[in-house]
Amino acid sequence: NTENLIPEYMRFITGVVDSADLTLNISRETIQDNLIFRKLGKFLTKRILKFLADQAKNDKEKYAAFWDTFGMFLKEGILSDFENRKELTGLMRFNSSTSEKDELVSLDDYIENVKDDRKTIYYLAGVSKEDIENGPYVETFSSRGIEVLYLYDAIDDFIMTSLGEHEGFKLVSADSSDIDLPDTEEKEKSEPDEVSAEVTKNFHSWMKEILTDKVTDVRETKRILNRPAIVVNPDAGVTTSMRRVMKAAGKDASGPGAQILEINHAHPLITKIKELRAGKTDKGFLQSCVEQIYDNALTEAGLMENPRTMIERIYEIMDRALIEEKPKAKKKKK
């Protein structure tokens, strides 16, 4: 029970230390200030971490059970014990887009599985594997055969941002605007008919004007999407998941912050809006459609703050659609 013998994040460890180097004829306070005592603490910390590393390598199933129970303590250590951060980082385990539900992989495993010359480890935070895979961000990576690590604890995003990189590989959230992925055959096939860059730029400017300061930019997406649009995070230092955590903790009073809206020009909804905009359709209705697309993207990202306005708008759009689709009454025969 002696304090400061091992770090606070190892408080789940119990045991007895037998050392002939410490005299018994001194007080507890003197022991804690003793140089030998501090060296002994460092030695024990290194020894425990080495034992865990050996367990992780030699008995993956047993270590997975340990990680499930005590992993949170080690994560705490990554943010507080900078001297042993590298060893602690190697002990982290994750689910991923290519692993089974109960299978865990390390950052080193991820690097070994990289098949191209990229130097990036992608990750994404969510409540569960199902929640993440039903969201809008993983699809574009899966279509390219790129693995994404799944983070389930609120602290995980802060750890990844704090680490920044591992073994020369940059750690990047999959919902970040800072991704550069090669096109796939499916992407090329899904491209719409060629439209002049000027027309596309004008369309984006029009949408940005409607959304005002809600977005920092509106641009064409390079991702594989089955949705008309998604929001991506322009701030690499504060991921979407971190914004949700801070909002829940009452530390983000300014709201979700301006996002980047990425548009899927191949989606029928976007195509239809372009057609209606070129015609004589009520501009207020088109504005409602653009605002709804943005709110849908915010909702999928878990950043929607006040859904009341969105719900009212949905009813207005439904009302208009149903009125226009209402069949005309047949004329009675005389």
C-alpha atoms as a PDB file:
ATOM      1  CA  ASN A   1       0.000   0.000   0.000  1.00  0.00           C
ATOM      2  CA  THR A   2       3.020   2.300  -0.171  1.00  0.00           C
ATOM      3  CA  GLU A   3       2.234   5.325  -2.336  1.00  0.00           C
ATOM      4  CA  ASN A   4       4.489   6.306  -5.237  1.00  0.00           C
ATOM      5  CA  LEU A   5       6.050   2.846  -5.530  1.00  0.00           C
ATOM      6  CA  ILE A   6       4.239   2.269  -8.824  1.00  0.00           C
ATOM      7  CA  PRO A   7       2.252   4.803 -10.907  1.00  0.00           C
ATOM      8  CA  GLU A   8      -1.345   5.635  -9.997  1.00  0.00           C
ATOM      9  CA  TYR A   9      -2.677   4.022 -13.215  1.00  0.00           C
ATOM     10  CA  MET A  10      -1.281   0.661 -11.966  1.00  0.00           C
ATOM     11  CA  ARG A  11      -3.480   0.784  -8.859  1.00  0.00           C
ATOM     12  CA  PHE A  12      -5.087  -2.499  -9.896  1.00  0.00           C
ATOM     13  CA  ILE A  13      -1.761  -4.253  -9.096  1.00  0.00           C
ATOM     14  CA  THR A  14      -1.359  -5.856  -5.653  1.00  0.00           C
ATOM     15  CA  GLY A  15       1.652  -7.706  -4.252  1.00  0.00           C
ATOM     16  CA  VAL A  16       4.644  -7.816  -1.960  1.00  0.00           C
ATOM     17  CA  VAL A  17       8.093  -6.409  -2.729  1.00  0.00           C
ATOM     18  CA  ASP A  18      11.063  -8.014  -0.989  1.00  0.00           C
ATOM     19  CA  SER A  19      14.236  -5.892  -1.082  1.00  0.00           C
ATOM     20  CA  ALA A  20      17.450  -6.205   0.937  1.00  0.00           C
ATOM     21  CA  ASP A  21      18.490  -2.689  -0.092  1.00  0.00           C
ATOM     22  CA  LEU A  22      16.041  -0.854   2.166  1.00  0.00           C
ATOM     23  CA  THR A  23      16.623  -0.569   5.900  1.00  0.00           C
ATOM     24  CA  LEU A  24      13.633  -1.235   8.158  1.00  0.00           C
ATOM     25  CA  ASN A  25      14.813   1.211  10.791  1.00  0.00           C
ATOM     26  CA  ILE A  26      13.390   4.309   9.067  1.00  0.00           C
ATOM     27  CA  SER A  27       9.945   5.894   8.790  1.00  0.00           C
ATOM     28  CA  ARG A  28       7.568   5.528   5.858  1.00  0.00           C
ATOM     29  CA  GLU A  29       8.100   9.200   4.922  1.00  0.00           C
ATOM     30  CA  THR A  30      11.859   8.663   4.720  1.00  0.00           C
ATOM     31  CA  ILE A  31      11.369   5.592   2.527  1.00  0.00           C
ATOM     32  CA  GLN A  32       9.302   7.567   0.027  1.00  0.00           C
ATOM     33  CA  ASP A  33      12.091  10.139  -0.360  1.00  0.00           C
ATOM     34  CA  ASN A  34      14.762   7.468  -0.653  1.00  0.00           C
ATOM     35  CA  LEU A  35      16.649   7.299  -3.996  1.00  0.00           C
ATOM     36  CA  ILE A  36      16.724   3.501  -3.892  1.00  0.00           C
ATOM     37  CA  PHE A  37      12.967   3.498  -3.344  1.00  0.00           C
ATOM     38  CA  ARG A  38      12.412   5.627  -6.470  1.00  0.00           C
ATOM     39  CA  LYS A  39      14.702   3.397  -8.529  1.00  0.00           C
ATOM     40  CA  LEU A  40      12.829   0.363  -7.253  1.00  0.00           C
ATOM     41  CA  GLY A  41       9.536   1.945  -8.380  1.00  0.00           C
ATOM     42  CA  LYS A  42      10.876   2.518 -11.899  1.00  0.00           C
ATOM     43  CA  PHE A  43      12.169  -1.036 -12.057  1.00  0.00           C
ATOM     44  CA  LEU A  44       8.822  -2.481 -10.953  1.00  0.00           C
ATOM     45  CA  THR A  45       6.937  -0.378 -13.522  1.00  0.00           C
ATOM     46  CA  LYS A  46       9.204  -1.570 -16.340  1.00  0.00           C
ATOM     47  CA  ARG A  47       8.942  -5.158 -15.109  1.00  0.00           C
ATOM     48  CA  ILE A  48       5.125  -5.078 -15.030  1.00  0.00           C
ATOM     49  CA  LEU A  49       4.924  -3.571 -18.531  1.00  0.00           C
ATOM     50  CA  LYS A  50       7.347  -6.190 -19.879  1.00  0.00           C
ATOM     51  CA  PHE A  51       5.297  -8.960 -18.278  1.00  0.00           C
ATOM     52  CA  LEU A  52       2.133  -7.606 -19.925  1.00  0.00           C
ATOM     53  CA  ALA A  53       3.900  -7.321 -23.292  1.00  0.00           C
ATOM     54  CA  ASP A  54       5.011 -10.951 -23.035  1.00  0.00           C
ATOM     55  CA  GLN A  55       1.457 -12.015 -22.127  1.00  0.00           C
ATOM     56  CA  ALA A  56       0.058 -10.086 -25.088  1.00  0.00           C
ATOM     57  CA  LYS A  57       2.513 -11.835 -27.422  1.00  0.00           C
ATOM     58  CA  ASN A  58       2.375 -15.370 -26.034  1.00  0.00           C
ATOM     59  CA  ASP A  59      -1.254 -15.728 -24.910  1.00  0.00           C
ATOM     60  CA  LYS A  60      -3.459 -13.393 -26.948  1.00  0.00           C
ATOM     61  CA  GLU A  61      -6.714 -14.825 -25.648  1.00  0.00           C
ATOM     62  CA  LYS A  62      -5.699 -14.404 -22.005  1.00  0.00           C
ATOM     63  CA  TYR A  63      -4.391 -10.889 -22.664  1.00  0.00           C
ATOM     64  CA  ALA A  64      -7.608  -9.946 -24.466  1.00  0.00           C
ATOM     65  CA  ALA A  65      -9.539 -10.841 -21.312  1.00  0.00           C
ATOM     66  CA  PHE A  66      -7.110  -8.754 -19.251  1.00  0.00           C
ATOM     67  CA  TRP A  67      -7.439  -5.797 -21.647  1.00  0.00           C
ATOM     68  CA  ASP A  68     -11.217  -5.964 -21.498  1.00  0.00           C
ATOM     69  CA  THR A  69     -11.057  -5.594 -17.691  1.00  0.00           C
ATOM     70  CA  PHE A  70      -8.024  -3.383 -17.066  1.00  0.00           C
ATOM     71  CA  GLY A  71      -7.396  -1.642 -20.399  1.00  0.00           C
ATOM     72  CA  MET A  72      -8.852   1.631 -19.120  1.00  0.00           C
ATOM     73  CA  PHE A  73      -6.066   1.881 -16.518  1.00  0.00           C
ATOM     74  CA  LEU A  74      -3.366   1.510 -19.180  1.00  0.00           C
ATOM     75  CA  LYS A  75      -5.072   4.135 -21.349  1.00  0.00           C
ATOM     76  CA  GLU A  76      -4.892   6.468 -18.372  1.00  0.00           C
ATOM     77  CA  GLY A  77      -1.169   5.754 -18.220  1.00  0.00           C
ATOM     78  CA  ILE A  78      -0.639   6.756 -21.864  1.00  0.00           C
ATOM     79  CA  LEU A  79      -1.873  10.244 -21.007  1.00  0.00           C
ATOM     80  CA  SER A  80       0.154  10.548 -17.790  1.00  0.00           C
ATOM     81  CA  ASP A  81       3.304   8.374 -17.980  1.00  0.00           C
ATOM     82  CA  PHE A  82       5.364   9.875 -20.798  1.00  0.00           C
ATOM     83  CA  GLU A  83       8.462   7.892 -19.840  1.00  0.00           C
ATOM     84  CA  ASN A  84       6.701   4.588 -20.572  1.00  0.00           C
ATOM     85  CA  ARG A  85       4.289   5.837 -23.245  1.00  0.00           C
ATOM     86  CA  LYS A  86       5.799   3.731 -26.035  1.00  0.00           C
ATOM     87  CA  GLU A  87       5.450   0.488 -24.035  1.00  0.00           C
ATOM     88  CA  LEU A  88       1.900   1.392 -22.994  1.00  0.00           C
ATOM     89  CA  THR A  89       0.915   2.257 -26.579  1.00  0.00           C
ATOM     90  CA  GLY A  90       2.085  -1.177 -27.684  1.00  0.00           C
ATOM     91  CA  LEU A  91      -0.300  -2.748 -25.163  1.00  0.00           C
ATOM     92  CA  MET A  92      -3.430  -1.086 -26.617  1.00  0.00           C
ATOM     93  CA  ARG A  93      -5.920  -3.318 -28.449  1.00  0.00           C
ATOM     94  CA  PHE A  94      -8.802  -2.491 -30.815  1.00  0.00           C
ATOM     95  CA  ASN A  95     -11.583  -3.959 -32.877  1.00  0.00           C
ATOM     96  CA  SER A  96     -11.260  -3.039 -36.540  1.00  0.00           C
ATOM     97  CA  SER A  97     -13.149  -3.074 -39.817  1.00  0.00           C
ATOM     98  CA  THR A  98     -11.335  -6.268 -40.875  1.00  0.00           C
ATOM     99  CA  SER A  99     -11.443  -8.151 -37.552  1.00  0.00           C
ATOM    100  CA  GLU A 100     -14.154 -10.334 -36.084  1.00  0.00           C
ATOM    101  CA  LYS A 101     -16.346  -8.854 -33.358  1.00  0.00           C
ATOM    102  CA  ASP A 102     -14.260 -10.303 -30.491  1.00  0.00           C
ATOM    103  CA  GLU A 103     -10.884 -10.164 -32.262  1.00  0.00           C
ATOM    104  CA  LEU A 104      -8.429  -7.498 -31.124  1.00  0.00           C
ATOM    105  CA  VAL A 105      -5.530  -5.955 -33.020  1.00  0.00           C
ATOM    106  CA  SER A 106      -2.666  -3.708 -31.911  1.00  0.00           C
ATOM    107  CA  LEU A 107      -1.214  -0.689 -33.696  1.00  0.00           C
ATOM    108  CA  ASP A 108       1.727  -2.868 -34.721  1.00  0.00           C
ATOM    109  CA  ASP A 109      -0.682  -5.459 -36.161  1.00  0.00           C
ATOM    110  CA  TYR A 110      -2.337  -2.676 -38.182  1.00  0.00           C
ATOM    111  CA  ILE A 111       1.018  -1.559 -39.605  1.00  0.00           C
ATOM    112  CA  GLU A 112       1.898  -5.139 -40.586  1.00  0.00           C
ATOM    113  CA  ASN A 113      -1.438  -5.414 -42.444  1.00  0.00           C
ATOM    114  CA  VAL A 114      -0.871  -2.278 -44.564  1.00  0.00           C
ATOM    115  CA  LYS A 115      -0.618  -3.420 -48.176  1.00  0.00           C
ATOM    116  CA  ASP A 116       0.436  -0.155 -49.855  1.00  0.00           C
ATOM    117  CA  ASP A 117       3.037   2.515 -49.191  1.00  0.00           C
ATOM    118  CA  ARG A 118       0.839   4.830 -47.116  1.00  0.00           C
ATOM    119  CA  LYS A 119       2.011   5.959 -43.678  1.00  0.00           C
ATOM    120  CA  THR A 120      -1.383   6.462 -42.049  1.00  0.00           C
ATOM    121  CA  ILE A 121      -3.386   4.595 -39.410  1.00  0.00           C
ATOM    122  CA  TYR A 122      -7.105   5.353 -39.677  1.00  0.00           C
ATOM    123  CA  TYR A 123      -9.468   5.101 -36.721  1.00  0.00           C
ATOM    124  CA  LEU A 124     -13.060   6.022 -35.910  1.00  0.00           C
ATOM    125  CA  ALA A 125     -14.917   6.385 -32.618  1.00  0.00           C
ATOM    126  CA  GLY A 126     -18.433   5.124 -31.905  1.00  0.00           C
ATOM    127  CA  VAL A 127     -20.655   3.341 -29.431  1.00  0.00           C
ATOM    128  CA  SER A 128     -20.193  -0.122 -30.950  1.00  0.00           C
ATOM    129  CA  LYS A 129     -18.936  -1.961 -34.029  1.00  0.00           C
ATOM    130  CA  GLU A 130     -22.465  -1.989 -35.471  1.00  0.00           C
ATOM    131  CA  ASP A 131     -22.930   1.725 -34.786  1.00  0.00           C
ATOM    132  CA  ILE A 132     -19.707   2.652 -36.572  1.00  0.00           C
ATOM    133  CA  GLU A 133     -20.312   0.393 -39.577  1.00  0.00           C
ATOM    134  CA  ASN A 134     -23.862   1.695 -40.051  1.00  0.00           C
ATOM    135  CA  GLY A 135     -22.498   5.240 -40.173  1.00  0.00           C
ATOM    136  CA  PRO A 136     -21.364   7.166 -43.257  1.00  0.00           C
ATOM    137  CA  TYR A 137     -17.574   7.066 -42.863  1.00  0.00           C
ATOM    138  CA  VAL A 138     -16.339   3.451 -43.036  1.00  0.00           C
ATOM    139  CA  GLU A 139     -17.746   2.549 -46.456  1.00  0.00           C
ATOM    140  CA  THR A 140     -15.132   4.486 -48.421  1.00  0.00           C
ATOM    141  CA  PHE A 141     -12.284   2.705 -46.581  1.00  0.00           C
ATOM    142  CA  SER A 142     -13.820  -0.765 -46.890  1.00  0.00           C
ATOM    143  CA  SER A 143     -14.236  -0.292 -50.647  1.00  0.00           C
ATOM    144  CA  ARG A 144     -10.493   0.302 -50.887  1.00  0.00           C
ATOM    145  CA  GLY A 145      -9.528  -2.550 -48.545  1.00  0.00           C
ATOM    146  CA  ILE A 146      -8.177  -0.132 -45.935  1.00  0.00           C
ATOM    147  CA  GLU A 147      -8.478  -1.178 -42.295  1.00  0.00           C
ATOM    148  CA  VAL A 148     -10.040   1.224 -39.770  1.00  0.00           C
ATOM    149  CA  LEU A 149      -9.556   0.841 -36.013  1.00  0.00           C
ATOM    150  CA  TYR A 150     -12.743   1.137 -33.925  1.00  0.00           C
ATOM    151  CA  LEU A 151     -12.668   3.127 -30.682  1.00  0.00           C
ATOM    152  CA  TYR A 152     -15.435   2.606 -28.121  1.00  0.00           C
ATOM    153  CA  ASP A 153     -14.301   4.532 -25.021  1.00  0.00           C
ATOM    154  CA  ALA A 154     -14.626   8.305 -24.704  1.00  0.00           C
ATOM    155  CA  ILE A 155     -10.936   8.594 -23.760  1.00  0.00           C
ATOM    156  CA  ASP A 156      -9.724   6.793 -26.923  1.00  0.00           C
ATOM    157  CA  ASP A 157     -10.041   9.787 -29.239  1.00  0.00           C
ATOM    158  CA  PHE A 158      -8.062  11.952 -26.828  1.00  0.00           C
ATOM    159  CA  ILE A 159      -5.345   9.278 -26.671  1.00  0.00           C
ATOM    160  CA  MET A 160      -5.030   9.073 -30.462  1.00  0.00           C
ATOM    161  CA  THR A 161      -4.865  12.843 -30.788  1.00  0.00           C
ATOM    162  CA  SER A 162      -2.291  13.010 -27.996  1.00  0.00           C
ATOM    163  CA  LEU A 163      -0.115  10.312 -29.613  1.00  0.00           C
ATOM    164  CA  GLY A 164      -0.298  11.833 -33.091  1.00  0.00           C
ATOM    165  CA  GLU A 165       1.729   9.023 -34.649  1.00  0.00           C
ATOM    166  CA  HIS A 166       3.041   5.517 -34.018  1.00  0.00           C
ATOM    167  CA  GLU A 167       6.226   4.090 -35.533  1.00  0.00           C
ATOM    168  CA  GLY A 168       6.215   6.772 -38.225  1.00  0.00           C
ATOM    169  CA  PHE A 169       2.531   6.250 -39.084  1.00  0.00           C
ATOM    170  CA  LYS A 170       0.252   9.274 -38.645  1.00  0.00           C
ATOM    171  CA  LEU A 171      -2.939   8.623 -36.654  1.00  0.00           C
ATOM    172  CA  VAL A 172      -5.938  10.109 -38.508  1.00  0.00           C
ATOM    173  CA  SER A 173      -9.660   9.986 -37.696  1.00  0.00           C
ATOM    174  CA  ALA A 174     -11.711   8.592 -40.601  1.00  0.00           C
ATOM    175  CA  ASP A 175     -14.171  11.493 -40.340  1.00  0.00           C
ATOM    176  CA  SER A 176     -11.422  14.055 -40.823  1.00  0.00           C
ATOM    177  CA  SER A 177     -11.161  16.272 -43.866  1.00  0.00           C
ATOM    178  CA  ASP A 178      -7.450  15.444 -43.921  1.00  0.00           C
ATOM    179  CA  ILE A 179      -7.588  12.183 -45.849  1.00  0.00           C
ATOM    180  CA  ASP A 180      -6.150  11.431 -49.268  1.00  0.00           C
ATOM    181  CA  LEU A 181      -7.423   8.159 -50.698  1.00  0.00           C
ATOM    182  CA  PRO A 182      -6.966   6.786 -54.214  1.00  0.00           C
ATOM    183  CA  ASP A 183     -10.017   6.391 -56.462  1.00  0.00           C
ATOM    184  CA  THR A 184     -11.535   2.949 -56.983  1.00  0.00           C
ATOM    185  CA  GLU A 185     -13.171   1.419 -60.040  1.00  0.00           C
ATOM    186  CA  GLU A 186     -16.538   1.677 -58.295  1.00  0.00           C
ATOM    187  CA  LYS A 187     -15.965   5.385 -57.694  1.00  0.00           C
ATOM    188  CA  GLU A 188     -15.083   5.986 -61.319  1.00  0.00           C
ATOM    189  CA  LYS A 189     -18.202   4.144 -62.483  1.00  0.00           C
ATOM    190  CA  SER A 190     -20.387   6.166 -60.125  1.00  0.00           C
ATOM    191  CA  GLU A 191     -19.138   9.510 -61.433  1.00  0.00           C
ATOM    192  CA  PRO A 192     -21.917  11.626 -62.988  1.00  0.00           C
ATOM    193  CA  ASP A 193     -21.774  12.990 -66.517  1.00  0.00           C
ATOM    194  CA  GLU A 194     -19.094  15.618 -66.988  1.00  0.00           C
ATOM    195  CA  VAL A 195     -20.174  18.983 -65.714  1.00  0.00           C
ATOM    196  CA  SER A 196     -18.104  22.100 -66.092  1.00  0.00           C
ATOM    197  CA  ALA A 197     -15.992  23.042 -63.112  1.00  0.00           C
ATOM    198  CA  GLU A 198     -17.591  26.475 -63.130  1.00  0.00           C
ATOM    199  CA  VAL A 199     -21.121  25.069 -62.786  1.00  0.00           C
ATOM    200  CA  THR A 200     -20.041  22.779 -59.937  1.00  0.00           C
ATOM    201  CA  LYS A 201     -18.246  25.642 -58.193  1.00  0.00           C
ATOM    202  CA  ASN A 202     -21.350  27.808 -58.557  1.00  0.00           C
ATOM    203  CA  PHE A 203     -23.533  25.043 -57.075  1.00  0.00           C
ATOM    204  CA  HIS A 204     -21.227  24.694 -54.065  1.00  0.00           C
ATOM    205  CA  SER A 205     -21.176  28.467 -53.546  1.00  0.00           C
ATOM    206  CA  TRP A 206     -24.980  28.520 -53.646  1.00  0.00           C
ATOM    207  CA  MET A 207     -25.209  25.812 -50.974  1.00  0.00           C
ATOM    208  CA  LYS A 208     -22.590  27.550 -48.811  1.00  0.00           C
ATOM    209  CA  GLU A 209     -24.545  30.804 -49.079  1.00  0.00           C
ATOM    210  CA  ILE A 210     -27.666  29.017 -47.790  1.00  0.00           C
ATOM    211  CA  LEU A 211     -25.822  27.364 -44.895  1.00  0.00           C
ATOM    212  CA  THR A 212     -23.963  30.608 -44.039  1.00  0.00           C
ATOM    213  CA  ASP A 213     -21.576  30.140 -41.096  1.00  0.00           C
ATOM    214  CA  LYS A 214     -22.669  26.554 -40.372  1.00  0.00           C
ATOM    215  CA  VAL A 215     -19.968  25.260 -42.718  1.00  0.00           C
ATOM    216  CA  THR A 216     -16.443  26.354 -43.526  1.00  0.00           C
ATOM    217  CA  ASP A 217     -16.666  24.896 -47.021  1.00  0.00           C
ATOM    218  CA  VAL A 218     -18.869  22.925 -49.426  1.00  0.00           C
ATOM    219  CA  ARG A 219     -16.978  20.636 -51.785  1.00  0.00           C
ATOM    220  CA  GLU A 220     -17.277  17.481 -53.866  1.00  0.00           C
ATOM    221  CA  THR A 221     -16.483  14.321 -51.941  1.00  0.00           C
ATOM    222  CA  LYS A 222     -13.788  11.855 -52.945  1.00  0.00           C
ATOM    223  CA  ARG A 223     -15.319   9.190 -50.732  1.00  0.00           C
ATOM    224  CA  ILE A 224     -17.556   6.291 -51.722  1.00  0.00           C
ATOM    225  CA  LEU A 225     -21.007   7.290 -50.487  1.00  0.00           C
ATOM    226  CA  ASN A 226     -24.568   6.018 -50.736  1.00  0.00           C
ATOM    227  CA  ARG A 227     -25.721   9.331 -49.238  1.00  0.00           C
ATOM    228  CA  PRO A 228     -26.149  12.781 -50.791  1.00  0.00           C
ATOM    229  CA  ALA A 229     -23.671  14.354 -48.371  1.00  0.00           C
ATOM    230  CA  ILE A 230     -21.631  13.990 -45.192  1.00  0.00           C
ATOM    231  CA  VAL A 231     -19.934  16.416 -42.831  1.00  0.00           C
ATOM    232  CA  VAL A 232     -16.219  16.017 -42.187  1.00  0.00           C
ATOM    233  CA  ASN A 233     -14.205  17.576 -39.427  1.00  0.00           C
ATOM    234  CA  PRO A 234     -11.859  20.411 -40.483  1.00  0.00           C
ATOM    235  CA  ASP A 235     -10.003  20.419 -37.142  1.00  0.00           C
ATOM    236  CA  ALA A 236      -7.552  17.509 -36.812  1.00  0.00           C
ATOM    237  CA  GLY A 237      -6.954  18.428 -33.174  1.00  0.00           C
ATOM    238  CA  VAL A 238     -10.597  18.032 -32.159  1.00  0.00           C
ATOM    239  CA  THR A 239     -12.369  15.082 -33.784  1.00  0.00           C
ATOM    240  CA  THR A 240     -16.126  14.711 -34.168  1.00  0.00           C
ATOM    241  CA  SER A 241     -16.219  12.210 -31.319  1.00  0.00           C
ATOM    242  CA  MET A 242     -14.282  14.582 -29.067  1.00  0.00           C
ATOM    243  CA  ARG A 243     -16.821  17.310 -29.806  1.00  0.00           C
ATOM    244  CA  ARG A 244     -19.611  14.953 -28.717  1.00  0.00           C
ATOM    245  CA  VAL A 245     -17.790  14.135 -25.468  1.00  0.00           C
ATOM    246  CA  MET A 246     -17.104  17.789 -24.675  1.00  0.00           C
ATOM    247  CA  LYS A 247     -20.689  18.698 -25.481  1.00  0.00           C
ATOM    248  CA  ALA A 248     -21.968  15.992 -23.106  1.00  0.00           C
ATOM    249  CA  ALA A 249     -19.613  17.300 -20.417  1.00  0.00           C
ATOM    250  CA  GLY A 250     -20.863  20.859 -20.919  1.00  0.00           C
ATOM    251  CA  LYS A 251     -17.450  22.056 -22.102  1.00  0.00           C
ATOM    252  CA  ASP A 252     -18.394  22.932 -25.673  1.00  0.00           C
ATOM    253  CA  ALA A 253     -20.963  25.661 -25.302  1.00  0.00           C
ATOM    254  CA  SER A 254     -20.272  26.929 -28.802  1.00  0.00           C
ATOM    255  CA  GLY A 255     -21.888  23.848 -30.319  1.00  0.00           C
ATOM    256  CA  PRO A 256     -20.483  21.457 -32.912  1.00  0.00           C
ATOM    257  CA  GLY A 257     -18.515  24.137 -34.700  1.00  0.00           C
ATOM    258  CA  ALA A 258     -18.475  24.790 -38.426  1.00  0.00           C
ATOM    259  CA  GLN A 259     -17.955  21.640 -40.490  1.00  0.00           C
ATOM    260  CA  ILE A 260     -17.035  20.902 -44.095  1.00  0.00           C
ATOM    261  CA  LEU A 261     -19.964  19.574 -46.136  1.00  0.00           C
ATOM    262  CA  GLU A 262     -18.912  17.045 -48.783  1.00  0.00           C
ATOM    263  CA  ILE A 263     -21.388  16.528 -51.634  1.00  0.00           C
ATOM    264  CA  ASN A 264     -21.955  13.300 -53.571  1.00  0.00           C
ATOM    265  CA  HIS A 265     -22.825  14.629 -57.029  1.00  0.00           C
ATOM    266  CA  ALA A 266     -23.769  11.145 -58.240  1.00  0.00           C
ATOM    267  CA  HIS A 267     -26.637  10.872 -55.746  1.00  0.00           C
ATOM    268  CA  PRO A 268     -30.149  11.255 -57.256  1.00  0.00           C
ATOM    269  CA  LEU A 269     -31.140  13.819 -54.628  1.00  0.00           C
ATOM    270  CA  ILE A 270     -28.287  16.159 -55.543  1.00  0.00           C
ATOM    271  CA  THR A 271     -28.972  15.647 -59.247  1.00  0.00           C
ATOM    272  CA  LYS A 272     -32.648  16.520 -58.740  1.00  0.00           C
ATOM    273  CA  ILE A 273     -31.844  19.661 -56.757  1.00  0.00           C
ATOM    274  CA  LYS A 274     -29.602  20.804 -59.611  1.00  0.00           C
ATOM    275  CA  GLU A 275     -32.440  20.252 -62.101  1.00  0.00           C
ATOM    276  CA  LEU A 276     -34.991  22.097 -59.975  1.00  0.00           C
ATOM    277  CA  ARG A 277     -32.600  24.971 -59.363  1.00  0.00           C
ATOM    278  CA  ALA A 278     -32.186  25.413 -63.117  1.00  0.00           C
ATOM    279  CA  GLY A 279     -36.002  25.601 -63.474  1.00  0.00           C
ATOM    280  CA  LYS A 280     -38.638  27.756 -61.868  1.00  0.00           C
ATOM    281  CA  THR A 281     -38.941  25.858 -58.592  1.00  0.00           C
ATOM    282  CA  ASP A 282     -39.626  27.923 -55.475  1.00  0.00           C
ATOM    283  CA  LYS A 283     -36.212  28.955 -54.113  1.00  0.00           C
ATOM    284  CA  GLY A 284     -37.463  28.701 -50.530  1.00  0.00           C
ATOM    285  CA  PHE A 285     -38.268  25.031 -51.058  1.00  0.00           C
ATOM    286  CA  LEU A 286     -34.799  24.330 -52.482  1.00  0.00           C
ATOM    287  CA  GLN A 287     -33.235  26.149 -49.555  1.00  0.00           C
ATOM    288  CA  SER A 288     -35.180  23.884 -47.177  1.00  0.00           C
ATOM    289  CA  CYS A 289     -33.869  20.835 -49.070  1.00  0.00           C
ATOM    290  CA  VAL A 290     -30.248  22.003 -48.738  1.00  0.00           C
ATOM    291  CA  GLU A 291     -30.696  22.735 -45.027  1.00  0.00           C
ATOM    292  CA  GLN A 292     -32.262  19.292 -44.552  1.00  0.00           C
ATOM    293  CA  ILE A 293     -29.380  17.553 -46.311  1.00  0.00           C
ATOM    294  CA  TYR A 294     -26.952  19.339 -43.986  1.00  0.00           C
ATOM    295  CA  ASP A 295     -28.995  18.483 -40.857  1.00  0.00           C
ATOM    296  CA  ASN A 296     -29.216  14.832 -41.949  1.00  0.00           C
ATOM    297  CA  ALA A 297     -25.417  14.754 -42.276  1.00  0.00           C
ATOM    298  CA  LEU A 298     -25.054  16.389 -38.848  1.00  0.00           C
ATOM    299  CA  THR A 299     -27.413  13.824 -37.321  1.00  0.00           C
ATOM    300  CA  GLU A 300     -25.426  10.917 -38.768  1.00  0.00           C
ATOM    301  CA  ALA A 301     -22.266  12.436 -37.315  1.00  0.00           C
ATOM    302  CA  GLY A 302     -23.947  12.687 -33.899  1.00  0.00           C
ATOM    303  CA  LEU A 303     -23.645  16.483 -33.867  1.00  0.00           C
ATOM    304  CA  MET A 304     -27.286  17.538 -34.159  1.00  0.00           C
ATOM    305  CA  GLU A 305     -28.091  19.787 -31.215  1.00  0.00           C
ATOM    306  CA  ASN A 306     -31.673  20.984 -31.682  1.00  0.00           C
ATOM    307  CA  PRO A 307     -33.816  18.663 -33.837  1.00  0.00           C
ATOM    308  CA  ARG A 308     -37.037  20.687 -33.451  1.00  0.00           C
ATOM    309  CA  THR A 309     -36.322  23.008 -36.370  1.00  0.00           C
ATOM    310  CA  MET A 310     -35.324  20.028 -38.498  1.00  0.00           C
ATOM    311  CA  ILE A 311     -38.551  18.166 -37.671  1.00  0.00           C
ATOM    312  CA  GLU A 312     -40.680  21.147 -38.617  1.00  0.00           C
ATOM    313  CA  ARG A 313     -38.808  21.417 -41.917  1.00  0.00           C
ATOM    314  CA  ILE A 314     -39.311  17.697 -42.629  1.00  0.00           C
ATOM    315  CA  TYR A 315     -43.068  18.130 -42.232  1.00  0.00           C
ATOM    316  CA  GLU A 316     -43.030  21.110 -44.606  1.00  0.00           C
ATOM    317  CA  ILE A 317     -41.112  19.128 -47.251  1.00  0.00           C
ATOM    318  CA  MET A 318     -43.432  16.125 -46.826  1.00  0.00           C
ATOM    319  CA  ASP A 319     -46.474  18.352 -47.049  1.00  0.00           C
ATOM    320  CA  ARG A 320     -45.277  19.873 -50.309  1.00  0.00           C
ATOM    321  CA  ALA A 321     -44.326  16.477 -51.776  1.00  0.00           C
ATOM    322  CA  LEU A 322     -47.695  14.943 -50.904  1.00  0.00           C
ATOM    323  CA  ILE A 323     -49.646  17.898 -52.288  1.00  0.00           C
ATOM    324  CA  GLU A 324     -47.773  17.740 -55.609  1.00  0.00           C
ATOM    325  CA  GLU A 325     -48.228  13.982 -55.808  1.00  0.00           C
ATOM    326  CA  LYS A 326     -51.948  14.199 -54.995  1.00  0.00           C
ATOM    327  CA  PRO A 327     -53.893  12.744 -57.968  1.00  0.00           C
ATOM    328  CA  LYS A 328     -56.185  15.110 -59.809  1.00  0.00           C
ATOM    329  CA  ALA A 329     -59.909  14.441 -59.421  1.00  0.00           C
ATOM    330  CA  LYS A 330     -61.494  12.839 -62.432  1.00  0.00           C
ATOM    331  CA  LYS A 331     -64.178  14.853 -64.227  1.00  0.00           C
ATOM    332  CA  LYS A 332     -67.655  13.476 -63.843  1.00  0.00           C
ATOM    333  CA  LYS A 333     -69.313  12.299 -67.022  1.00  0.00           C
ATOM    334  CA  LYS A 334     -72.500  14.144 -67.928  1.00  0.00           C
END
